[in-house]
Amino acid sequence: MFDRLGVALAKRGVRVEGGHSLTPHVTIVRDAAAPLHPPIAIGPIAWRVSDFALIHSQLGSRNAYTVLGQWPLAD
């Protein structure tokens, strides 16, 4: 599946460098003040998604993000 994503990104002009793994993800918490000890397991989180975006996060910068593309999802 992720190989297809890389091909689709390249077709849209998004540079995809070889040798790097692509891991789509959602960041829930960044730089939490204090991690939970011991960690607490939670159930799955579900929500309705109407579109998705590809966002470039600048390394070394805490708030530098560039939206490269945004696409609606079919019903």
N, C-alpha and C. Protein backbone atom coordinates (compact mmCIF):
# COMPACT_ATOMS: atom_id res chain seq x y z
N MET A 1 0.82 -1.19 0.00
CA MET A 1 0.00 0.00 0.00
C MET A 1 0.86 1.25 0.00
N PHE A 2 1.92 1.29 0.82
CA PHE A 2 2.73 2.49 0.91
C PHE A 2 3.53 2.72 -0.35
N ASP A 3 3.86 1.65 -1.10
CA ASP A 3 4.52 1.84 -2.39
C ASP A 3 3.59 2.59 -3.34
N ARG A 4 2.31 2.27 -3.32
CA ARG A 4 1.34 2.97 -4.17
C ARG A 4 1.23 4.44 -3.77
N LEU A 5 1.31 4.70 -2.47
CA LEU A 5 1.26 6.08 -2.00
C LEU A 5 2.46 6.85 -2.52
N GLY A 6 3.64 6.26 -2.45
CA GLY A 6 4.84 6.90 -2.97
C GLY A 6 4.75 7.21 -4.45
N VAL A 7 4.20 6.28 -5.23
CA VAL A 7 4.02 6.49 -6.67
C VAL A 7 3.03 7.62 -6.92
N ALA A 8 1.92 7.63 -6.17
CA ALA A 8 0.91 8.68 -6.33
C ALA A 8 1.49 10.04 -5.97
N LEU A 9 2.29 10.10 -4.92
CA LEU A 9 2.92 11.36 -4.54
C LEU A 9 3.87 11.84 -5.63
N ALA A 10 4.67 10.94 -6.16
CA ALA A 10 5.62 11.31 -7.21
C ALA A 10 4.89 11.83 -8.45
N LYS A 11 3.75 11.23 -8.78
CA LYS A 11 2.97 11.69 -9.94
C LYS A 11 2.43 13.10 -9.73
N ARG A 12 2.24 13.49 -8.46
CA ARG A 12 1.74 14.84 -8.14
C ARG A 12 2.88 15.84 -7.98
N GLY A 13 4.11 15.38 -8.22
CA GLY A 13 5.24 16.29 -8.13
C GLY A 13 5.86 16.40 -6.75
N VAL A 14 5.46 15.52 -5.83
CA VAL A 14 6.05 15.52 -4.49
C VAL A 14 7.30 14.65 -4.54
N ARG A 15 8.44 15.26 -4.21
CA ARG A 15 9.70 14.52 -4.26
C ARG A 15 9.72 13.42 -3.20
N VAL A 16 9.92 12.20 -3.64
CA VAL A 16 9.98 11.05 -2.74
C VAL A 16 11.38 10.49 -2.85
N GLU A 17 12.15 10.62 -1.78
CA GLU A 17 13.53 10.15 -1.78
C GLU A 17 13.57 8.67 -1.50
N GLY A 18 14.41 7.97 -2.23
CA GLY A 18 14.58 6.54 -2.01
C GLY A 18 15.33 6.27 -0.72
N GLY A 19 15.15 5.10 -0.16
CA GLY A 19 15.87 4.70 1.03
C GLY A 19 15.24 5.17 2.33
N HIS A 20 14.19 5.96 2.25
CA HIS A 20 13.51 6.42 3.46
C HIS A 20 12.17 5.71 3.56
N SER A 21 11.82 5.34 4.75
CA SER A 21 10.51 4.71 4.92
C SER A 21 9.45 5.80 5.09
N LEU A 22 8.30 5.56 4.55
CA LEU A 22 7.18 6.48 4.65
C LEU A 22 6.19 5.89 5.64
N THR A 23 5.91 6.62 6.71
CA THR A 23 5.01 6.13 7.73
C THR A 23 3.90 7.15 7.96
N PRO A 24 2.77 6.97 7.27
CA PRO A 24 1.63 7.87 7.55
C PRO A 24 1.22 7.72 9.01
N HIS A 25 0.91 8.84 9.65
CA HIS A 25 0.56 8.79 11.07
C HIS A 25 -0.23 10.03 11.47
N VAL A 26 -0.78 9.96 12.64
CA VAL A 26 -1.47 11.09 13.27
C VAL A 26 -0.77 11.33 14.60
N THR A 27 -0.30 12.55 14.82
CA THR A 27 0.34 12.89 16.08
C THR A 27 -0.75 13.29 17.07
N ILE A 28 -0.83 12.59 18.18
CA ILE A 28 -1.83 12.87 19.20
C ILE A 28 -1.28 13.86 20.23
N VAL A 29 -0.07 13.63 20.71
CA VAL A 29 0.55 14.50 21.71
C VAL A 29 2.02 14.68 21.33
N ARG A 30 2.46 15.93 21.39
CA ARG A 30 3.87 16.21 21.14
C ARG A 30 4.42 16.92 22.37
N ASP A 31 5.55 16.46 22.86
CA ASP A 31 6.21 17.08 24.02
C ASP A 31 5.29 17.16 25.24
N ALA A 32 4.72 16.02 25.60
CA ALA A 32 3.86 15.98 26.79
C ALA A 32 4.68 16.38 28.01
N ALA A 33 4.06 17.11 28.92
CA ALA A 33 4.77 17.60 30.10
C ALA A 33 5.32 16.46 30.94
N ALA A 34 4.53 15.45 31.17
CA ALA A 34 4.99 14.32 31.99
C ALA A 34 4.33 13.05 31.46
N PRO A 35 5.12 12.08 31.00
CA PRO A 35 4.52 10.83 30.52
C PRO A 35 3.87 10.07 31.68
N LEU A 36 2.87 9.27 31.35
CA LEU A 36 2.18 8.47 32.36
C LEU A 36 3.05 7.27 32.75
N HIS A 37 3.20 7.07 34.05
CA HIS A 37 3.96 5.90 34.54
C HIS A 37 3.09 5.16 35.52
N PRO A 38 2.75 3.94 35.34
CA PRO A 38 2.98 3.18 34.11
C PRO A 38 2.03 3.65 33.00
N PRO A 39 2.39 3.35 31.75
CA PRO A 39 1.50 3.72 30.63
C PRO A 39 0.12 3.10 30.80
N ILE A 40 -0.91 3.79 30.38
CA ILE A 40 -2.28 3.31 30.49
C ILE A 40 -2.78 2.94 29.10
N ALA A 41 -3.25 1.71 28.96
CA ALA A 41 -3.79 1.26 27.68
C ALA A 41 -5.17 1.86 27.48
N ILE A 42 -5.47 2.26 26.25
CA ILE A 42 -6.79 2.77 25.91
C ILE A 42 -7.32 2.00 24.71
N GLY A 43 -8.62 2.06 24.52
CA GLY A 43 -9.22 1.40 23.37
C GLY A 43 -9.00 2.21 22.10
N PRO A 44 -9.41 1.66 20.98
CA PRO A 44 -9.26 2.36 19.71
C PRO A 44 -10.02 3.69 19.71
N ILE A 45 -9.49 4.65 19.00
CA ILE A 45 -10.12 5.96 18.85
C ILE A 45 -10.67 6.02 17.42
N ALA A 46 -11.94 6.35 17.28
CA ALA A 46 -12.55 6.40 15.94
C ALA A 46 -13.13 7.78 15.71
N TRP A 47 -13.00 8.28 14.49
CA TRP A 47 -13.64 9.53 14.11
C TRP A 47 -13.87 9.53 12.61
N ARG A 48 -14.84 10.33 12.17
CA ARG A 48 -15.19 10.42 10.76
C ARG A 48 -14.18 11.33 10.07
N VAL A 49 -13.66 10.88 8.94
CA VAL A 49 -12.67 11.63 8.18
C VAL A 49 -13.27 12.00 6.83
N SER A 50 -13.24 13.29 6.49
CA SER A 50 -13.80 13.73 5.22
C SER A 50 -12.73 14.05 4.18
N ASP A 51 -11.50 14.28 4.64
CA ASP A 51 -10.40 14.53 3.72
C ASP A 51 -9.09 14.21 4.41
N PHE A 52 -8.00 14.28 3.66
CA PHE A 52 -6.69 14.08 4.26
C PHE A 52 -5.72 15.05 3.61
N ALA A 53 -4.62 15.29 4.29
CA ALA A 53 -3.63 16.24 3.81
C ALA A 53 -2.24 15.65 3.95
N LEU A 54 -1.36 16.06 3.07
CA LEU A 54 0.06 15.73 3.16
C LEU A 54 0.75 16.98 3.66
N ILE A 55 1.39 16.88 4.83
CA ILE A 55 2.00 18.04 5.46
C ILE A 55 3.49 17.79 5.65
N HIS A 56 4.29 18.75 5.21
CA HIS A 56 5.74 18.66 5.39
C HIS A 56 6.11 19.38 6.68
N SER A 57 6.77 18.65 7.56
CA SER A 57 7.21 19.20 8.84
C SER A 57 8.70 19.51 8.72
N GLN A 58 9.07 20.75 8.93
CA GLN A 58 10.48 21.16 8.84
C GLN A 58 11.24 20.60 10.03
N LEU A 59 12.30 19.86 9.76
CA LEU A 59 13.11 19.30 10.84
C LEU A 59 13.76 20.43 11.64
N GLY A 60 13.73 20.29 12.95
CA GLY A 60 14.38 21.26 13.81
C GLY A 60 13.53 22.48 14.13
N SER A 61 12.37 22.59 13.52
CA SER A 61 11.50 23.73 13.78
C SER A 61 10.19 23.22 14.37
N ARG A 62 9.79 23.76 15.49
CA ARG A 62 8.63 23.23 16.20
C ARG A 62 7.31 23.56 15.54
N ASN A 63 7.22 24.65 14.80
CA ASN A 63 5.93 25.04 14.24
C ASN A 63 6.00 25.36 12.75
N ALA A 64 6.95 24.80 12.04
CA ALA A 64 7.06 25.08 10.61
C ALA A 64 6.48 23.91 9.81
N TYR A 65 5.26 24.10 9.33
CA TYR A 65 4.58 23.07 8.57
C TYR A 65 4.10 23.68 7.26
N THR A 66 4.19 22.90 6.20
CA THR A 66 3.70 23.34 4.90
C THR A 66 2.72 22.29 4.38
N VAL A 67 1.50 22.70 4.06
CA VAL A 67 0.52 21.77 3.49
C VAL A 67 0.87 21.60 2.02
N LEU A 68 1.25 20.39 1.64
CA LEU A 68 1.65 20.10 0.26
C LEU A 68 0.46 19.76 -0.61
N GLY A 69 -0.58 19.25 -0.01
CA GLY A 69 -1.78 18.90 -0.75
C GLY A 69 -2.87 18.47 0.20
N GLN A 70 -4.10 18.61 -0.25
CA GLN A 70 -5.25 18.19 0.56
C GLN A 70 -6.28 17.60 -0.38
N TRP A 71 -6.83 16.44 -0.03
CA TRP A 71 -7.73 15.74 -0.92
C TRP A 71 -8.98 15.26 -0.16
N PRO A 72 -10.15 15.42 -0.77
CA PRO A 72 -11.39 14.90 -0.16
C PRO A 72 -11.46 13.39 -0.35
N LEU A 73 -12.15 12.75 0.56
CA LEU A 73 -12.40 11.31 0.47
C LEU A 73 -13.82 11.10 -0.02
N ALA A 74 -14.03 10.05 -0.78
CA ALA A 74 -15.37 9.71 -1.26
C ALA A 74 -16.22 9.22 -0.10
N ASP A 75 -17.55 9.43 -0.22
CA ASP A 75 -18.47 8.95 0.82
C ASP A 75 -18.49 7.44 0.86
